[in-house]
Structures are given as C-alpha cells and as structure tokens.
Amino acid sequence: MKLLAIGGHAGDMDLTAGAALAQAVLDGHEAVLLHLTPGEKGHPSLTADQYRQQKLAEAEAFASTIGARARFLAYGDGELPVTDEVKWQVADIIRQERPTIVITHWKESIHKDHANTHVIVEDAIFYAELSAFERPWPAHGVSHVYYADNWEDPFDYQPDVFVEIRDDAYALWLEAASHYAYARGETGFPYLSYYQSLMVVRGLPNGYARAQAFARPRWARRVRLPGFQEAHKEVT
C-alpha cells in the first residue's frame, strides 16, 4: 500500500498526518509527501528566500526520518492558484506514484492555500483516473481519500476515522517533526505541542492513548481503526 499526503505547505501533512504515515512505513508500506508550496512567508526574521530553502531542507529531513519521500511543486506561499495547470501537475504525480490512499486538506479553511489544495486535489484525482485523458503516465484510480485534522481547517470538519498511534510511531514522528523550526515554535505558535495534545484529545474518547483523526466523504460511517491498512480493509 502507498499513501500520498498532499499539503499546501511543507509541514502541513507532516504534523497533521505524519504520525500515521510514520506508522504505515513501520508496518511496511510506502509514504510520499507532496508539498505544493514551501510555506516560506511565515518566519519573523528570515526572508522568504531564506526560509524557503530552510523549509525545503526541513521537509526532506522529515521524510527521510520516517522513511518516506518528499516531493515539491514550485508555487509560493499564499500564491497557490486553482488552475488546470496545477491540477494536471498533481494528477501526473498521482499517476506516477500510484497511491492507494491520498490524504489532503479539508475544504473549509482560514488559509487560502489549504482550501485551494482541497479543490486542486479533488480534480487531480478525477483527471488521474480517466484513461481518456492522455498523459505520459497511465491512468490510476485512488481507492480512498482522507482529510487531515488541521486547526486551520476546522469549519464543519467531522472526523470519522481515528488511527491509533503506537509508541514507536509516535517517537519517530516526534523526531521527524522536530526538524521543522515552525513546529518547535520558532515562528510564534507552538505547533508541535498543539498536535501532541490533539492526538490525546482524538485518542482518549476512542479508547486510545493517542490517535490522529481523519475525515472521509460524508456517507462514510464512523470507525475506530489501528492503522490505515485496516481502514483500507474496512472500506474496500
């Protein structure tokens, strides 16, 4: 099984879905993180160019630490357009990577790049699966889509999949996430602390010490599962 996590900025999927990705890799699966922008405009003392290079290196370090791969598009933070060109770039990556599962942003967000990513990915999945759209790579249909639990994407977000995070995956995720300066709180908000706490909040009501939460399409039923591979079995 391969998981492709697509975020508006480097770090988005790393924190919101990274522990589940790390656990999937530990369980023998593949994971790829696609960052549509570096998210380079949010550092209080570095220029955007300086922070871009830092974020790219941090994203590579995160992916390497959990045993995944990082990929990037070349758009700027706050400047991600919703165009067919971008959708086809993402569709081509879906065809190249051939994931079973795609994880991305929920549709309602306070950040335009997150909301735009949702729309881009939705259409990219459609383009990727139809062989009538001729591209250099064969068509590929994504079996399942999950929306990550991001504090900036809260409006009408109702998670229905709760992935238990084991101690080994949690420790690996902590090590990987600590590569990001913003996760450590150096840009102002203590992101790592927030997502550590959120795992407890999402886990305890479902009988887990920690969990990462995900939403599926509204017709999906609520499930409690110890990993994405079980989620895949449940909805296949």
Protein backbone atom coordinates (compact mmCIF):
# COMPACT_ATOMS: atom_id res chain seq x y z
CA MET A 1 0.00 0.00 0.00
CA LYS A 2 1.20 3.50 -0.80
CA LEU A 3 0.00 6.71 0.87
CA LEU A 4 0.34 10.11 -0.80
CA ALA A 5 -0.15 13.10 1.53
CA ILE A 6 -0.68 16.39 -0.32
CA GLY A 7 -0.34 19.64 1.62
CA GLY A 8 -0.49 23.30 0.78
CA HIS A 9 2.77 23.93 2.63
CA ALA A 10 5.76 21.91 3.71
CA GLY A 11 4.86 20.83 7.23
CA ASP A 12 1.07 20.69 6.88
CA MET A 13 0.74 16.96 6.30
CA ASP A 14 3.89 16.25 8.33
CA LEU A 15 2.20 17.38 11.54
CA THR A 16 -1.43 16.53 10.83
CA ALA A 17 -0.89 13.07 9.31
CA GLY A 18 2.79 12.42 9.89
CA ALA A 19 2.45 10.05 12.81
CA ALA A 20 0.03 7.86 10.86
CA LEU A 21 2.38 7.99 7.88
CA ALA A 22 5.34 7.02 10.07
CA GLN A 23 3.34 4.11 11.46
CA ALA A 24 2.37 2.95 7.98
CA VAL A 25 6.03 2.96 6.94
CA LEU A 26 6.97 0.99 10.06
CA ASP A 27 4.32 -1.52 9.03
CA GLY A 28 5.96 -1.99 5.63
CA HIS A 29 4.02 0.46 3.49
CA GLU A 30 5.21 3.39 1.37
CA ALA A 31 4.57 7.08 2.02
CA VAL A 32 5.16 10.18 -0.10
CA LEU A 33 4.60 13.78 0.99
CA LEU A 34 3.81 16.26 -1.79
CA HIS A 35 4.19 19.93 -0.80
CA LEU A 36 2.55 22.39 -3.19
CA THR A 37 4.41 25.36 -1.66
CA PRO A 38 7.20 25.54 0.92
CA GLY A 39 5.17 27.83 3.20
CA GLU A 40 8.05 30.26 3.21
CA LYS A 41 6.47 33.57 4.17
CA GLY A 42 5.84 32.98 7.87
CA HIS A 43 9.23 33.41 9.56
CA PRO A 44 9.65 36.52 11.76
CA SER A 45 13.33 37.10 10.97
CA LEU A 46 14.23 35.21 7.77
CA THR A 47 13.47 36.46 4.27
CA ALA A 48 11.09 34.40 2.16
CA ASP A 49 14.02 33.14 0.07
CA GLN A 50 15.99 32.15 3.15
CA TYR A 51 13.04 30.44 4.76
CA ARG A 52 12.13 28.67 1.50
CA GLN A 53 15.49 26.93 1.43
CA GLN A 54 15.17 26.06 5.12
CA LYS A 55 11.65 24.66 4.72
CA LEU A 56 12.68 22.52 1.74
CA ALA A 57 15.55 21.06 3.78
CA GLU A 58 13.26 20.52 6.77
CA ALA A 59 10.71 18.70 4.61
CA GLU A 60 13.40 16.42 3.21
CA ALA A 61 14.65 15.72 6.74
CA PHE A 62 11.15 14.88 7.99
CA ALA A 63 10.51 12.49 5.13
CA SER A 64 13.90 10.83 5.46
CA THR A 65 13.45 10.34 9.21
CA ILE A 66 10.18 8.44 8.84
CA GLY A 67 11.36 6.53 5.78
CA ALA A 68 9.18 8.41 3.29
CA ARG A 69 9.91 10.62 0.28
CA ALA A 70 9.25 14.33 -0.23
CA ARG A 71 8.15 15.94 -3.48
CA PHE A 72 7.52 19.60 -4.24
CA LEU A 73 5.75 21.90 -6.65
CA ALA A 74 7.23 25.33 -7.31
CA TYR A 75 4.48 27.68 -6.11
CA GLY A 76 4.84 30.40 -3.49
CA ASP A 77 3.26 30.60 -0.06
CA GLY A 78 -0.10 32.36 -0.33
CA GLU A 79 0.12 32.27 -4.13
CA LEU A 80 -1.15 28.76 -4.93
CA PRO A 81 -3.54 29.14 -7.89
CA VAL A 82 -6.50 26.94 -8.68
CA THR A 83 -5.81 26.27 -12.35
CA ASP A 84 -5.88 23.28 -14.68
CA GLU A 85 -2.10 23.54 -14.94
CA VAL A 86 -1.68 22.91 -11.22
CA LYS A 87 -4.34 20.20 -11.21
CA TRP A 88 -2.56 18.38 -14.03
CA GLN A 89 0.78 18.63 -12.23
CA VAL A 90 -0.80 16.91 -9.22
CA ALA A 91 -2.67 14.42 -11.42
CA ASP A 92 0.59 13.46 -13.11
CA ILE A 93 2.22 12.85 -9.73
CA ILE A 94 -0.74 10.68 -8.72
CA ARG A 95 -0.26 8.69 -11.93
CA GLN A 96 3.48 8.39 -11.28
CA GLU A 97 3.18 7.39 -7.63
CA ARG A 98 0.01 5.27 -7.96
CA PRO A 99 -1.12 5.61 -4.32
CA THR A 100 -3.87 3.58 -2.73
CA ILE A 101 -4.70 6.42 -0.34
CA VAL A 102 -4.50 10.19 -0.72
CA ILE A 103 -4.53 12.45 2.33
CA THR A 104 -5.09 16.18 1.94
CA HIS A 105 -6.77 19.26 3.40
CA TRP A 106 -10.41 19.62 4.33
CA LYS A 107 -12.32 22.05 2.11
CA GLU A 108 -13.09 24.79 4.66
CA SER A 109 -10.04 26.67 5.93
CA ILE A 110 -8.85 30.04 7.16
CA HIS A 111 -5.85 29.66 4.83
CA LYS A 112 -6.44 30.06 1.09
CA ASP A 113 -3.63 27.64 0.19
CA HIS A 114 -5.31 24.90 2.21
CA ALA A 115 -8.73 25.47 0.63
CA ASN A 116 -7.16 25.71 -2.82
CA THR A 117 -5.24 22.49 -2.25
CA HIS A 118 -8.50 20.68 -1.49
CA VAL A 119 -10.02 21.79 -4.81
CA ILE A 120 -6.83 21.03 -6.75
CA VAL A 121 -6.54 17.52 -5.32
CA GLU A 122 -10.20 16.73 -5.85
CA ASP A 123 -9.95 17.48 -9.57
CA ALA A 124 -6.48 15.94 -9.88
CA ILE A 125 -7.83 12.61 -8.61
CA PHE A 126 -10.58 12.82 -11.23
CA TYR A 127 -8.11 13.59 -14.03
CA ALA A 128 -5.67 10.90 -12.89
CA GLU A 129 -8.18 8.07 -13.02
CA LEU A 130 -9.56 8.56 -16.53
CA SER A 131 -7.56 6.95 -19.33
CA ALA A 132 -9.27 9.23 -21.86
CA PHE A 133 -7.03 12.00 -20.52
CA GLU A 134 -3.83 11.08 -22.33
CA ARG A 135 -0.67 11.81 -20.37
CA PRO A 136 2.86 10.35 -20.26
CA TRP A 137 1.77 8.01 -17.43
CA PRO A 138 -1.09 5.50 -17.37
CA ALA A 139 -4.31 6.33 -15.56
CA HIS A 140 -4.60 5.48 -11.89
CA GLY A 141 -7.62 5.49 -9.61
CA VAL A 142 -7.20 6.41 -5.94
CA SER A 143 -9.08 3.99 -3.72
CA HIS A 144 -9.59 6.23 -0.67
CA VAL A 145 -9.27 9.90 0.27
CA TYR A 146 -8.82 11.23 3.80
CA TYR A 147 -8.86 14.80 5.09
CA ALA A 148 -6.35 15.61 7.80
CA ASP A 149 -7.15 17.23 11.15
CA ASN A 150 -5.70 20.75 10.84
CA TRP A 151 -6.52 23.54 13.28
CA GLU A 152 -6.67 25.96 10.34
CA ASP A 153 -9.26 23.80 8.53
CA PRO A 154 -11.92 23.43 11.25
CA PHE A 155 -15.19 24.53 9.68
CA ASP A 156 -17.71 21.67 9.51
CA TYR A 157 -14.83 19.19 9.89
CA GLN A 158 -16.16 15.93 11.31
CA PRO A 159 -13.56 13.16 11.54
CA ASP A 160 -14.81 9.60 11.25
CA VAL A 161 -11.52 7.64 11.17
CA PHE A 162 -9.28 7.56 14.25
CA VAL A 163 -5.91 5.92 13.68
CA GLU A 164 -4.30 4.67 16.87
CA ILE A 165 -0.68 5.83 17.08
CA ARG A 166 1.69 3.34 18.68
CA ASP A 167 4.59 4.41 20.86
CA ASP A 168 7.21 3.59 18.22
CA ALA A 169 5.44 5.61 15.55
CA TYR A 170 4.87 8.49 17.95
CA ALA A 171 8.55 8.63 18.89
CA LEU A 172 9.57 8.55 15.23
CA TRP A 173 7.11 11.31 14.38
CA LEU A 174 8.40 13.47 17.24
CA GLU A 175 11.95 13.08 15.99
CA ALA A 176 10.93 13.91 12.43
CA ALA A 177 8.68 16.85 13.30
CA SER A 178 11.40 18.41 15.41
CA HIS A 179 13.32 19.15 12.20
CA TYR A 180 10.79 21.91 11.47
CA ALA A 181 11.59 25.27 13.11
CA TYR A 182 7.93 26.25 12.96
CA ALA A 183 6.93 23.03 14.70
CA ARG A 184 9.31 23.87 17.53
CA GLY A 185 7.52 27.20 17.98
CA GLU A 186 10.16 29.44 16.40
CA THR A 187 7.60 31.28 14.28
CA GLY A 188 5.29 32.02 17.20
CA PHE A 189 2.67 29.28 17.58
CA PRO A 190 3.72 26.05 19.39
CA TYR A 191 2.58 23.70 16.61
CA LEU A 192 4.26 20.57 17.90
CA SER A 193 2.74 20.95 21.36
CA TYR A 194 -0.66 21.54 19.81
CA TYR A 195 -0.58 18.41 17.68
CA GLN A 196 0.81 16.31 20.52
CA SER A 197 -2.15 17.41 22.62
CA LEU A 198 -4.59 16.88 19.76
CA MET A 199 -3.51 13.25 19.47
CA VAL A 200 -4.51 12.72 23.09
CA VAL A 201 -7.82 14.54 22.58
CA ARG A 202 -8.63 12.47 19.50
CA GLY A 203 -7.42 9.24 21.05
CA LEU A 204 -8.96 9.08 24.51
CA PRO A 205 -12.66 9.21 23.52
CA ASN A 206 -11.97 6.30 21.18
CA GLY A 207 -10.12 4.14 23.70
CA TYR A 208 -6.61 5.01 22.50
CA ALA A 209 -3.81 6.81 24.31
CA ARG A 210 -3.15 8.74 21.08
CA ALA A 211 -4.76 8.94 17.66
CA GLN A 212 -4.67 11.02 14.53
CA ALA A 213 -8.10 11.82 13.15
CA PHE A 214 -9.23 11.95 9.54
CA ALA A 215 -12.48 12.71 7.75
CA ARG A 216 -13.83 10.81 4.79
CA PRO A 217 -16.71 11.69 2.46
CA ARG A 218 -19.91 12.34 4.39
CA TRP A 219 -21.51 9.00 3.54
CA ALA A 220 -18.72 7.11 5.34
CA ARG A 221 -19.54 5.63 8.71
CA ARG A 222 -17.62 6.20 11.94
CA VAL A 223 -14.86 3.64 12.54
CA ARG A 224 -12.12 3.01 15.12
CA LEU A 225 -9.06 1.51 13.47
CA PRO A 226 -5.44 0.89 14.49
CA GLY A 227 -3.93 1.84 11.13
CA PHE A 228 -4.55 2.88 7.55
CA GLN A 229 -4.20 -0.67 6.33
CA GLU A 230 -7.21 -1.62 8.48
CA ALA A 231 -9.06 1.44 7.21
CA HIS A 232 -8.39 0.24 3.69
CA LYS A 233 -9.74 -3.23 4.52
CA GLU A 234 -12.79 -1.73 6.23
CA VAL A 235 -13.96 0.31 3.28
CA THR A 236 -12.87 -1.95 0.42
